[in-house]
């Protein structure tokens, strides 16, 4: 199992919309995440900065990396592009975070 943490950036004033869209996560998107080995997935918001912190546990990096190639993932990126920082392909600008401590 691989633990992964990352940061993303939400546009100001889009906090409620971001939460709403995730509260209504498409079933196909949830299925794709699980099918690509993702579980125990959480996203946290710092309301003062708009920073999002994501945490996900993965079965394998190689399996997870293929999730970005799915049509449902690309559709989700397009859906979210108006409320957060994105790359030219509408994938979220994501900064990997280095693990420095873990306690079970």
N, C-alpha and C. Protein backbone atom coordinates (compact mmCIF):
# COMPACT_ATOMS: atom_id res chain seq x y z
N UNK A 1 0.83 -1.17 0.00
CA UNK A 1 0.00 0.00 0.00
C UNK A 1 0.88 1.24 0.00
N UNK A 2 0.48 2.21 -0.80
CA UNK A 2 1.20 3.48 -0.92
C UNK A 2 0.29 4.59 -0.41
N UNK A 3 0.79 5.42 0.49
CA UNK A 3 0.06 6.60 0.96
C UNK A 3 0.55 7.80 0.17
N UNK A 4 -0.40 8.61 -0.30
CA UNK A 4 -0.01 9.75 -1.11
C UNK A 4 -0.73 11.00 -0.64
N UNK A 5 0.02 12.08 -0.48
CA UNK A 5 -0.55 13.38 -0.13
C UNK A 5 -0.21 14.39 -1.21
N UNK A 6 -1.12 15.30 -1.46
CA UNK A 6 -0.91 16.30 -2.51
C UNK A 6 -1.72 17.54 -2.22
N UNK A 7 -1.29 18.67 -2.80
CA UNK A 7 -1.97 19.95 -2.67
C UNK A 7 -2.52 20.39 -4.01
N UNK A 8 -3.66 21.05 -3.95
CA UNK A 8 -4.28 21.67 -5.11
C UNK A 8 -4.78 23.04 -4.66
N UNK A 9 -5.28 23.83 -5.59
CA UNK A 9 -5.72 25.19 -5.27
C UNK A 9 -7.13 25.44 -5.80
N UNK A 10 -7.99 25.90 -4.90
CA UNK A 10 -9.37 26.23 -5.23
C UNK A 10 -9.47 27.74 -5.43
N UNK A 11 -10.27 28.16 -6.40
CA UNK A 11 -10.50 29.59 -6.60
C UNK A 11 -11.36 30.15 -5.46
N UNK A 12 -11.08 31.39 -5.09
CA UNK A 12 -11.82 32.08 -4.04
C UNK A 12 -13.32 32.08 -4.35
N UNK A 13 -14.10 31.87 -3.33
CA UNK A 13 -15.55 31.90 -3.48
C UNK A 13 -16.15 30.61 -4.02
N UNK A 14 -15.34 29.61 -4.29
CA UNK A 14 -15.83 28.36 -4.88
C UNK A 14 -15.89 27.22 -3.87
N UNK A 15 -15.71 27.53 -2.59
CA UNK A 15 -15.63 26.50 -1.56
C UNK A 15 -16.92 25.66 -1.47
N UNK A 16 -18.06 26.31 -1.43
CA UNK A 16 -19.32 25.58 -1.33
C UNK A 16 -19.60 24.76 -2.57
N UNK A 17 -19.28 25.29 -3.74
CA UNK A 17 -19.50 24.55 -4.98
C UNK A 17 -18.60 23.33 -5.05
N UNK A 18 -17.35 23.48 -4.61
CA UNK A 18 -16.42 22.34 -4.59
C UNK A 18 -16.97 21.24 -3.69
N UNK A 19 -17.41 21.60 -2.50
CA UNK A 19 -17.96 20.61 -1.57
C UNK A 19 -19.21 19.96 -2.16
N UNK A 20 -20.09 20.77 -2.74
CA UNK A 20 -21.33 20.24 -3.35
C UNK A 20 -21.01 19.21 -4.42
N UNK A 21 -20.07 19.53 -5.30
CA UNK A 21 -19.74 18.60 -6.38
C UNK A 21 -19.17 17.29 -5.84
N UNK A 22 -18.41 17.36 -4.77
CA UNK A 22 -17.86 16.14 -4.20
C UNK A 22 -18.90 15.38 -3.36
N UNK A 23 -19.83 16.10 -2.74
CA UNK A 23 -20.93 15.44 -2.04
C UNK A 23 -21.79 14.65 -3.03
N UNK A 24 -21.82 15.12 -4.27
CA UNK A 24 -22.61 14.49 -5.33
C UNK A 24 -21.70 13.75 -6.33
N UNK A 25 -20.57 13.24 -5.84
CA UNK A 25 -19.61 12.54 -6.70
C UNK A 25 -20.32 11.52 -7.57
N UNK A 26 -20.02 11.56 -8.85
CA UNK A 26 -20.63 10.62 -9.78
C UNK A 26 -20.26 9.19 -9.39
N UNK A 27 -21.22 8.28 -9.39
CA UNK A 27 -20.91 6.88 -9.06
C UNK A 27 -19.82 6.29 -9.96
N UNK A 28 -19.82 6.68 -11.23
CA UNK A 28 -18.79 6.16 -12.15
C UNK A 28 -17.40 6.62 -11.75
N UNK A 29 -17.31 7.82 -11.19
CA UNK A 29 -16.02 8.34 -10.75
C UNK A 29 -15.54 7.57 -9.52
N UNK A 30 -16.43 7.34 -8.57
CA UNK A 30 -16.07 6.55 -7.39
C UNK A 30 -15.65 5.13 -7.79
N UNK A 31 -16.35 4.55 -8.73
CA UNK A 31 -16.01 3.20 -9.21
C UNK A 31 -14.63 3.20 -9.87
N UNK A 32 -14.34 4.22 -10.67
CA UNK A 32 -13.04 4.30 -11.34
C UNK A 32 -11.91 4.43 -10.32
N UNK A 33 -12.11 5.25 -9.29
CA UNK A 33 -11.09 5.41 -8.25
C UNK A 33 -10.79 4.07 -7.60
N UNK A 34 -11.84 3.37 -7.22
CA UNK A 34 -11.66 2.05 -6.59
C UNK A 34 -11.03 1.04 -7.55
N UNK A 35 -11.47 1.05 -8.81
CA UNK A 35 -10.93 0.11 -9.80
C UNK A 35 -9.45 0.35 -10.07
N UNK A 36 -8.98 1.57 -9.82
CA UNK A 36 -7.57 1.89 -10.03
C UNK A 36 -6.78 1.90 -8.71
N UNK A 37 -7.34 1.19 -7.72
CA UNK A 37 -6.61 0.95 -6.48
C UNK A 37 -6.63 2.06 -5.47
N UNK A 38 -7.51 3.05 -5.62
CA UNK A 38 -7.60 4.15 -4.66
C UNK A 38 -8.62 3.86 -3.58
N UNK A 39 -8.26 4.15 -2.35
CA UNK A 39 -9.19 3.98 -1.24
C UNK A 39 -8.80 4.94 -0.11
N UNK A 40 -9.69 5.06 0.86
CA UNK A 40 -9.43 5.94 1.99
C UNK A 40 -9.00 7.33 1.50
N UNK A 41 -9.78 7.86 0.56
CA UNK A 41 -9.47 9.11 -0.14
C UNK A 41 -10.16 10.27 0.58
N UNK A 42 -9.40 11.26 0.97
CA UNK A 42 -9.95 12.44 1.64
C UNK A 42 -9.35 13.69 1.03
N UNK A 43 -10.13 14.77 1.03
CA UNK A 43 -9.65 16.08 0.60
C UNK A 43 -10.06 17.08 1.69
N UNK A 44 -9.11 17.90 2.10
CA UNK A 44 -9.33 18.90 3.14
C UNK A 44 -9.10 20.29 2.54
N UNK A 45 -9.84 21.27 3.03
CA UNK A 45 -9.74 22.65 2.55
C UNK A 45 -9.23 23.55 3.65
N UNK A 46 -8.25 24.39 3.31
CA UNK A 46 -7.86 25.49 4.19
C UNK A 46 -8.65 26.70 3.69
N UNK A 47 -9.71 27.11 4.40
CA UNK A 47 -10.57 28.18 3.90
C UNK A 47 -9.88 29.54 3.82
N UNK A 48 -8.81 29.73 4.54
CA UNK A 48 -8.11 31.01 4.49
C UNK A 48 -7.29 31.17 3.22
N UNK A 49 -6.76 30.07 2.69
CA UNK A 49 -5.88 30.15 1.52
C UNK A 49 -6.48 29.56 0.25
N UNK A 50 -7.51 28.73 0.39
CA UNK A 50 -8.04 28.02 -0.77
C UNK A 50 -7.23 26.79 -1.12
N UNK A 51 -6.23 26.46 -0.29
CA UNK A 51 -5.44 25.25 -0.52
C UNK A 51 -6.26 24.01 -0.19
N UNK A 52 -6.16 23.03 -1.06
CA UNK A 52 -6.77 21.73 -0.83
C UNK A 52 -5.65 20.74 -0.54
N UNK A 53 -5.85 19.89 0.45
CA UNK A 53 -4.90 18.83 0.75
C UNK A 53 -5.62 17.51 0.51
N UNK A 54 -5.07 16.71 -0.39
CA UNK A 54 -5.64 15.40 -0.68
C UNK A 54 -4.80 14.30 -0.11
N UNK A 55 -5.46 13.24 0.35
CA UNK A 55 -4.79 12.05 0.85
C UNK A 55 -5.51 10.84 0.27
N UNK A 56 -4.73 9.92 -0.27
CA UNK A 56 -5.31 8.70 -0.82
C UNK A 56 -4.34 7.54 -0.58
N UNK A 57 -4.89 6.38 -0.33
CA UNK A 57 -4.09 5.17 -0.21
C UNK A 57 -4.27 4.38 -1.49
N UNK A 58 -3.15 3.90 -2.03
CA UNK A 58 -3.14 3.24 -3.33
C UNK A 58 -2.65 1.80 -3.22
N UNK A 59 -3.22 0.95 -4.04
CA UNK A 59 -2.71 -0.41 -4.14
C UNK A 59 -1.35 -0.41 -4.84
N UNK A 60 -1.24 0.40 -5.90
CA UNK A 60 0.00 0.46 -6.68
C UNK A 60 0.04 1.76 -7.48
N UNK A 61 1.18 2.41 -7.48
CA UNK A 61 1.35 3.65 -8.25
C UNK A 61 1.05 3.44 -9.74
N UNK A 62 1.51 2.32 -10.28
CA UNK A 62 1.32 2.07 -11.71
C UNK A 62 -0.15 1.96 -12.08
N UNK A 63 -0.95 1.31 -11.25
CA UNK A 63 -2.38 1.20 -11.50
C UNK A 63 -3.05 2.56 -11.38
N UNK A 64 -2.71 3.31 -10.34
CA UNK A 64 -3.28 4.64 -10.13
C UNK A 64 -2.95 5.59 -11.27
N UNK A 65 -1.74 5.53 -11.77
CA UNK A 65 -1.33 6.45 -12.84
C UNK A 65 -2.19 6.27 -14.09
N UNK A 66 -2.72 5.09 -14.30
CA UNK A 66 -3.57 4.85 -15.48
C UNK A 66 -4.97 5.44 -15.33
N UNK A 67 -5.34 5.84 -14.11
CA UNK A 67 -6.67 6.43 -13.91
C UNK A 67 -6.83 7.72 -14.71
N UNK A 68 -5.74 8.45 -14.88
CA UNK A 68 -5.80 9.72 -15.63
C UNK A 68 -6.13 9.52 -17.10
N UNK A 69 -6.01 8.31 -17.59
CA UNK A 69 -6.29 8.02 -19.00
C UNK A 69 -7.76 7.67 -19.24
N UNK A 70 -8.55 7.52 -18.18
CA UNK A 70 -9.95 7.11 -18.34
C UNK A 70 -10.81 8.28 -18.78
N UNK A 71 -11.85 7.97 -19.53
CA UNK A 71 -12.77 9.00 -20.00
C UNK A 71 -13.50 9.68 -18.84
N UNK A 72 -13.87 8.90 -17.81
CA UNK A 72 -14.60 9.50 -16.69
C UNK A 72 -13.71 10.48 -15.92
N UNK A 73 -12.43 10.18 -15.79
CA UNK A 73 -11.51 11.09 -15.11
C UNK A 73 -11.38 12.39 -15.91
N UNK A 74 -11.23 12.28 -17.21
CA UNK A 74 -11.12 13.47 -18.05
C UNK A 74 -12.41 14.31 -18.00
N UNK A 75 -13.54 13.62 -17.95
CA UNK A 75 -14.83 14.31 -17.86
C UNK A 75 -14.93 15.05 -16.52
N UNK A 76 -14.45 14.41 -15.43
CA UNK A 76 -14.46 15.05 -14.10
C UNK A 76 -13.55 16.28 -14.10
N UNK A 77 -12.37 16.16 -14.69
CA UNK A 77 -11.46 17.30 -14.77
C UNK A 77 -12.13 18.48 -15.47
N UNK A 78 -12.79 18.20 -16.60
CA UNK A 78 -13.48 19.26 -17.33
C UNK A 78 -14.56 19.90 -16.46
N UNK A 79 -15.26 19.09 -15.71
CA UNK A 79 -16.34 19.55 -14.83
C UNK A 79 -15.81 20.45 -13.72
N UNK A 80 -14.62 20.17 -13.22
CA UNK A 80 -14.05 20.91 -12.09
C UNK A 80 -13.19 22.11 -12.52
N UNK A 81 -12.89 22.24 -13.78
CA UNK A 81 -11.92 23.24 -14.26
C UNK A 81 -12.33 24.68 -13.98
N UNK A 82 -13.60 24.95 -13.85
CA UNK A 82 -14.03 26.34 -13.63
C UNK A 82 -13.89 26.80 -12.18
N UNK A 83 -13.54 25.89 -11.27
CA UNK A 83 -13.49 26.30 -9.86
C UNK A 83 -12.12 26.07 -9.21
N UNK A 84 -11.14 25.58 -9.97
CA UNK A 84 -9.83 25.34 -9.38
C UNK A 84 -8.72 25.51 -10.41
N UNK A 85 -7.49 25.67 -9.93
CA UNK A 85 -6.35 25.80 -10.84
C UNK A 85 -6.17 24.49 -11.60
N UNK A 86 -6.00 24.62 -12.93
CA UNK A 86 -5.83 23.44 -13.77
C UNK A 86 -4.70 23.63 -14.77
N UNK A 87 -4.25 22.51 -15.29
CA UNK A 87 -3.28 22.47 -16.38
C UNK A 87 -4.03 22.63 -17.70
N UNK A 88 -3.31 22.77 -18.82
CA UNK A 88 -3.98 22.93 -20.12
C UNK A 88 -4.95 21.79 -20.47
N UNK A 89 -4.73 20.58 -19.95
CA UNK A 89 -5.65 19.47 -20.23
C UNK A 89 -6.79 19.39 -19.21
N UNK A 90 -6.92 20.41 -18.37
CA UNK A 90 -7.92 20.53 -17.31
C UNK A 90 -7.65 19.64 -16.09
N UNK A 91 -6.54 18.91 -16.08
CA UNK A 91 -6.18 18.17 -14.87
C UNK A 91 -5.84 19.20 -13.80
N UNK A 92 -6.14 18.90 -12.54
CA UNK A 92 -5.82 19.87 -11.50
C UNK A 92 -4.32 20.06 -11.35
N UNK A 93 -3.91 21.30 -11.13
CA UNK A 93 -2.52 21.55 -10.78
C UNK A 93 -2.35 20.90 -9.41
N UNK A 94 -1.46 19.93 -9.34
CA UNK A 94 -1.30 19.14 -8.12
C UNK A 94 0.17 19.09 -7.75
N UNK A 95 0.45 19.37 -6.50
CA UNK A 95 1.82 19.34 -6.01
C UNK A 95 1.94 18.17 -5.03
N UNK A 96 2.77 17.21 -5.38
CA UNK A 96 2.99 16.06 -4.49
C UNK A 96 3.65 16.53 -3.21
N UNK A 97 3.26 15.93 -2.12
CA UNK A 97 3.86 16.26 -0.82
C UNK A 97 4.71 15.08 -0.37
N UNK A 98 5.83 15.39 0.23
CA UNK A 98 6.78 14.39 0.69
C UNK A 98 6.37 13.87 2.07
N UNK A 99 6.22 12.57 2.22
CA UNK A 99 5.88 12.04 3.54
C UNK A 99 7.06 12.20 4.50
N UNK A 100 6.77 12.67 5.69
CA UNK A 100 7.84 12.83 6.69
C UNK A 100 7.53 12.15 8.01
N UNK A 101 6.28 11.71 8.21
CA UNK A 101 5.94 11.02 9.46
C UNK A 101 4.67 10.22 9.26
N UNK A 102 4.62 9.03 9.86
CA UNK A 102 3.41 8.21 9.85
C UNK A 102 3.38 7.38 11.13
N UNK A 103 2.22 7.29 11.74
CA UNK A 103 2.03 6.49 12.94
C UNK A 103 0.75 5.69 12.78
N UNK A 104 0.82 4.40 12.95
CA UNK A 104 -0.40 3.57 12.90
C UNK A 104 -0.86 3.26 14.29
